[in-house]
Amino acid sequence: MEFLVPKWLEIDLFYNISKYPKSLEQLGGSDEIDNEIEKAFGVWSNVTEFNFTRALEGWVDIDIRFEDGKQWDDDELRNIKGSEDLGKVVAYTRKV
């Protein structure tokens, strides 16, 4: 079965981790988190046409932040950065 999906304009995507979890040392440190996220993007690269590159400065397509506390509703998520076109939250998870 083939899905009809619009073609992406960009396939080379840049990401950064702008905020690590508070329990960083319990999780193996920032290097361990960096490696796991790089592996996850590698899986996506292997099965899609996307290429993911970490950018340590400048504009990124994907900003990864580990946040604590507040659980946002849908309206808050859509407007988290206050921009109509950029900075939207497209993925969000919470502890169960």
N, C-alpha and C. Protein backbone atom coordinates (compact mmCIF):
# COMPACT_ATOMS: atom_id res chain seq x y z
N MET A 1 0.84 -1.18 0.00
CA MET A 1 0.00 0.00 0.00
C MET A 1 0.88 1.24 0.00
N GLU A 2 0.61 2.17 -0.87
CA GLU A 2 1.40 3.39 -0.97
C GLU A 2 0.62 4.56 -0.42
N PHE A 3 1.27 5.35 0.40
CA PHE A 3 0.65 6.54 0.96
C PHE A 3 0.99 7.74 0.10
N LEU A 4 0.03 8.61 -0.07
CA LEU A 4 0.28 9.85 -0.81
C LEU A 4 0.75 10.91 0.18
N VAL A 5 2.02 11.22 0.09
CA VAL A 5 2.63 12.18 1.00
C VAL A 5 3.27 13.28 0.17
N PRO A 6 3.01 14.54 0.52
CA PRO A 6 3.66 15.61 -0.24
C PRO A 6 5.17 15.55 -0.10
N LYS A 7 5.87 15.92 -1.12
CA LYS A 7 7.33 15.93 -1.12
C LYS A 7 7.84 17.02 -0.18
N TRP A 8 8.81 16.69 0.62
CA TRP A 8 9.41 17.67 1.51
C TRP A 8 10.29 18.62 0.71
N LEU A 9 10.30 19.87 1.11
CA LEU A 9 11.15 20.86 0.45
C LEU A 9 12.61 20.71 0.85
N GLU A 10 12.85 20.31 2.07
CA GLU A 10 14.21 20.12 2.58
C GLU A 10 14.38 18.69 3.05
N ILE A 11 15.47 18.08 2.67
CA ILE A 11 15.76 16.75 3.19
C ILE A 11 17.01 16.76 4.08
N ASP A 12 17.78 17.83 4.02
CA ASP A 12 18.95 17.99 4.89
C ASP A 12 18.52 18.81 6.10
N LEU A 13 18.36 18.15 7.23
CA LEU A 13 17.83 18.79 8.42
C LEU A 13 18.90 18.91 9.49
N PHE A 14 18.90 20.05 10.17
CA PHE A 14 19.87 20.33 11.23
C PHE A 14 19.18 20.31 12.58
N TYR A 15 19.86 19.73 13.57
CA TYR A 15 19.29 19.65 14.91
C TYR A 15 20.32 20.05 15.94
N ASN A 16 19.84 20.37 17.13
CA ASN A 16 20.70 20.62 18.27
C ASN A 16 19.95 20.22 19.53
N ILE A 17 20.71 19.96 20.57
CA ILE A 17 20.14 19.68 21.89
C ILE A 17 20.40 20.92 22.72
N SER A 18 19.37 21.73 22.92
CA SER A 18 19.58 23.00 23.60
C SER A 18 19.38 22.91 25.11
N LYS A 19 18.77 21.81 25.58
CA LYS A 19 18.60 21.65 27.03
C LYS A 19 18.60 20.17 27.36
N TYR A 20 19.53 19.79 28.23
CA TYR A 20 19.64 18.40 28.66
C TYR A 20 18.78 18.17 29.90
N PRO A 21 18.47 16.89 30.20
CA PRO A 21 17.66 16.61 31.40
C PRO A 21 18.43 16.94 32.68
N LYS A 22 17.68 17.24 33.72
CA LYS A 22 18.31 17.53 35.02
C LYS A 22 19.06 16.32 35.56
N SER A 23 18.59 15.13 35.25
CA SER A 23 19.22 13.89 35.73
C SER A 23 20.31 13.42 34.77
N LEU A 24 21.07 14.36 34.25
CA LEU A 24 22.05 14.09 33.21
C LEU A 24 23.05 13.01 33.60
N GLU A 25 23.61 13.09 34.78
CA GLU A 25 24.62 12.11 35.19
C GLU A 25 24.04 10.72 35.36
N GLN A 26 22.81 10.61 35.81
CA GLN A 26 22.15 9.30 35.95
C GLN A 26 21.94 8.65 34.59
N LEU A 27 21.87 9.47 33.56
CA LEU A 27 21.63 8.95 32.20
C LEU A 27 22.92 8.73 31.42
N GLY A 28 24.06 8.89 32.08
CA GLY A 28 25.33 8.63 31.41
C GLY A 28 26.03 9.87 30.91
N GLY A 29 25.50 11.04 31.17
CA GLY A 29 26.13 12.28 30.73
C GLY A 29 25.68 12.72 29.35
N SER A 30 26.10 13.92 28.99
CA SER A 30 25.66 14.48 27.71
C SER A 30 26.18 13.69 26.51
N ASP A 31 27.39 13.12 26.62
CA ASP A 31 27.91 12.32 25.50
C ASP A 31 27.02 11.12 25.20
N GLU A 32 26.54 10.47 26.24
CA GLU A 32 25.66 9.31 26.06
C GLU A 32 24.34 9.72 25.39
N ILE A 33 23.77 10.82 25.85
CA ILE A 33 22.53 11.32 25.24
C ILE A 33 22.77 11.71 23.79
N ASP A 34 23.87 12.42 23.53
CA ASP A 34 24.21 12.80 22.16
C ASP A 34 24.31 11.58 21.26
N ASN A 35 24.98 10.53 21.74
CA ASN A 35 25.15 9.31 20.95
C ASN A 35 23.82 8.63 20.67
N GLU A 36 22.94 8.56 21.67
CA GLU A 36 21.65 7.91 21.48
C GLU A 36 20.78 8.68 20.48
N ILE A 37 20.80 9.99 20.57
CA ILE A 37 20.01 10.80 19.63
C ILE A 37 20.59 10.67 18.23
N GLU A 38 21.90 10.64 18.11
CA GLU A 38 22.53 10.45 16.80
C GLU A 38 22.15 9.09 16.20
N LYS A 39 22.12 8.05 17.04
CA LYS A 39 21.70 6.73 16.56
C LYS A 39 20.25 6.75 16.10
N ALA A 40 19.38 7.43 16.85
CA ALA A 40 17.97 7.50 16.47
C ALA A 40 17.80 8.20 15.13
N PHE A 41 18.51 9.31 14.93
CA PHE A 41 18.42 9.99 13.64
C PHE A 41 19.03 9.13 12.53
N GLY A 42 20.01 8.30 12.88
CA GLY A 42 20.57 7.37 11.89
C GLY A 42 19.55 6.36 11.41
N VAL A 43 18.71 5.88 12.34
CA VAL A 43 17.64 4.96 11.96
C VAL A 43 16.70 5.65 10.96
N TRP A 44 16.31 6.89 11.27
CA TRP A 44 15.43 7.63 10.36
C TRP A 44 16.09 7.85 9.00
N SER A 45 17.38 8.16 9.01
CA SER A 45 18.10 8.39 7.75
C SER A 45 18.13 7.13 6.90
N ASN A 46 18.22 5.97 7.56
CA ASN A 46 18.28 4.70 6.82
C ASN A 46 16.97 4.33 6.14
N VAL A 47 15.85 4.83 6.64
CA VAL A 47 14.55 4.43 6.09
C VAL A 47 13.79 5.57 5.43
N THR A 48 14.40 6.74 5.39
CA THR A 48 13.78 7.90 4.73
C THR A 48 14.83 8.57 3.85
N GLU A 49 14.42 9.61 3.18
CA GLU A 49 15.36 10.37 2.36
C GLU A 49 16.04 11.49 3.16
N PHE A 50 15.74 11.59 4.44
CA PHE A 50 16.27 12.69 5.26
C PHE A 50 17.70 12.43 5.72
N ASN A 51 18.44 13.53 5.82
CA ASN A 51 19.79 13.53 6.38
C ASN A 51 19.78 14.45 7.59
N PHE A 52 20.28 13.98 8.71
CA PHE A 52 20.27 14.76 9.95
C PHE A 52 21.70 15.09 10.34
N THR A 53 21.94 16.37 10.61
CA THR A 53 23.26 16.84 11.01
C THR A 53 23.12 17.69 12.25
N ARG A 54 23.99 17.46 13.22
CA ARG A 54 23.96 18.28 14.43
C ARG A 54 24.66 19.61 14.16
N ALA A 55 24.00 20.68 14.53
CA ALA A 55 24.56 22.02 14.41
C ALA A 55 24.71 22.59 15.81
N LEU A 56 25.90 22.97 16.18
CA LEU A 56 26.15 23.46 17.53
C LEU A 56 25.82 24.94 17.70
N GLU A 57 25.61 25.63 16.59
CA GLU A 57 25.23 27.04 16.65
C GLU A 57 24.41 27.39 15.43
N GLY A 58 23.74 28.53 15.49
CA GLY A 58 22.93 28.97 14.36
C GLY A 58 21.55 28.33 14.35
N TRP A 59 20.83 28.56 13.27
CA TRP A 59 19.45 28.11 13.12
C TRP A 59 19.42 26.60 12.91
N VAL A 60 18.43 25.94 13.52
CA VAL A 60 18.25 24.50 13.35
C VAL A 60 16.79 24.22 12.99
N ASP A 61 16.58 23.10 12.34
CA ASP A 61 15.22 22.64 12.02
C ASP A 61 14.58 21.97 13.22
N ILE A 62 15.40 21.30 14.02
CA ILE A 62 14.89 20.54 15.17
C ILE A 62 15.66 20.96 16.41
N ASP A 63 14.95 21.51 17.38
CA ASP A 63 15.55 21.91 18.64
C ASP A 63 15.06 20.93 19.71
N ILE A 64 15.97 20.16 20.27
CA ILE A 64 15.62 19.15 21.26
C ILE A 64 15.85 19.74 22.65
N ARG A 65 14.79 19.68 23.46
CA ARG A 65 14.85 20.20 24.83
C ARG A 65 14.23 19.17 25.77
N PHE A 66 14.91 18.89 26.86
CA PHE A 66 14.38 18.02 27.89
C PHE A 66 13.83 18.93 28.99
N GLU A 67 12.51 18.99 29.10
CA GLU A 67 11.84 19.88 30.05
C GLU A 67 11.21 19.09 31.18
N ASP A 68 11.10 19.71 32.32
CA ASP A 68 10.44 19.10 33.49
C ASP A 68 9.22 19.91 33.85
N GLY A 69 8.30 19.24 34.51
CA GLY A 69 7.21 19.97 35.14
C GLY A 69 5.97 20.11 34.29
N LYS A 70 5.77 21.26 33.73
CA LYS A 70 4.53 21.64 33.06
C LYS A 70 4.15 20.67 31.95
N GLN A 71 2.89 20.29 31.94
CA GLN A 71 2.34 19.52 30.83
C GLN A 71 1.40 20.43 30.08
N TRP A 72 1.77 20.75 28.84
CA TRP A 72 1.05 21.73 28.06
C TRP A 72 -0.18 21.16 27.39
N ASP A 73 -1.16 22.03 27.15
CA ASP A 73 -2.30 21.61 26.34
C ASP A 73 -1.97 21.92 24.87
N ASP A 74 -2.83 21.51 23.96
CA ASP A 74 -2.56 21.65 22.53
C ASP A 74 -2.34 23.09 22.10
N ASP A 75 -3.13 24.04 22.61
CA ASP A 75 -2.96 25.44 22.23
C ASP A 75 -1.61 25.97 22.67
N GLU A 76 -1.18 25.62 23.87
CA GLU A 76 0.11 26.07 24.35
C GLU A 76 1.25 25.48 23.51
N LEU A 77 1.12 24.23 23.12
CA LEU A 77 2.15 23.61 22.30
C LEU A 77 2.28 24.29 20.94
N ARG A 78 1.16 24.64 20.34
CA ARG A 78 1.20 25.28 19.03
C ARG A 78 1.85 26.66 19.09
N ASN A 79 1.77 27.32 20.22
CA ASN A 79 2.26 28.70 20.33
C ASN A 79 3.46 28.84 21.26
N ILE A 80 4.19 27.77 21.48
CA ILE A 80 5.24 27.80 22.48
C ILE A 80 6.32 28.85 22.18
N LYS A 81 6.61 29.11 20.93
CA LYS A 81 7.61 30.11 20.58
C LYS A 81 6.96 31.39 20.08
N GLY A 82 5.65 31.42 19.90
CA GLY A 82 4.97 32.63 19.50
C GLY A 82 5.14 33.02 18.04
N SER A 83 5.52 32.10 17.18
CA SER A 83 5.71 32.41 15.77
C SER A 83 4.67 31.68 14.94
N GLU A 84 4.21 32.32 13.89
CA GLU A 84 3.23 31.68 13.01
C GLU A 84 3.86 30.59 12.15
N ASP A 85 5.12 30.76 11.76
CA ASP A 85 5.73 29.84 10.81
C ASP A 85 6.88 29.01 11.37
N LEU A 86 7.59 29.52 12.36
CA LEU A 86 8.77 28.83 12.86
C LEU A 86 8.61 28.51 14.34
N GLY A 87 9.39 27.58 14.81
CA GLY A 87 9.46 27.30 16.23
C GLY A 87 8.28 26.55 16.81
N LYS A 88 7.58 25.80 16.02
CA LYS A 88 6.44 25.05 16.53
C LYS A 88 6.91 23.73 17.14
N VAL A 89 6.20 23.27 18.14
CA VAL A 89 6.45 21.96 18.72
C VAL A 89 5.73 20.95 17.84
N VAL A 90 6.47 20.01 17.28
CA VAL A 90 5.84 19.00 16.44
C VAL A 90 5.89 17.62 17.09
N ALA A 91 6.64 17.49 18.15
CA ALA A 91 6.69 16.23 18.88
C ALA A 91 6.81 16.56 20.36
N TYR A 92 6.10 15.79 21.15
CA TYR A 92 6.07 16.07 22.59
C TYR A 92 5.76 14.77 23.29
N THR A 93 6.49 14.50 24.36
CA THR A 93 6.21 13.30 25.13
C THR A 93 6.25 13.64 26.61
N ARG A 94 5.62 12.84 27.40
CA ARG A 94 5.64 13.07 28.84
C ARG A 94 5.73 11.75 29.55
N LYS A 95 6.22 11.80 30.79
CA LYS A 95 6.30 10.58 31.59
C LYS A 95 4.90 10.13 31.94
N VAL A 96 4.71 8.83 31.95
CA VAL A 96 3.41 8.26 32.30
C VAL A 96 3.46 7.76 33.73
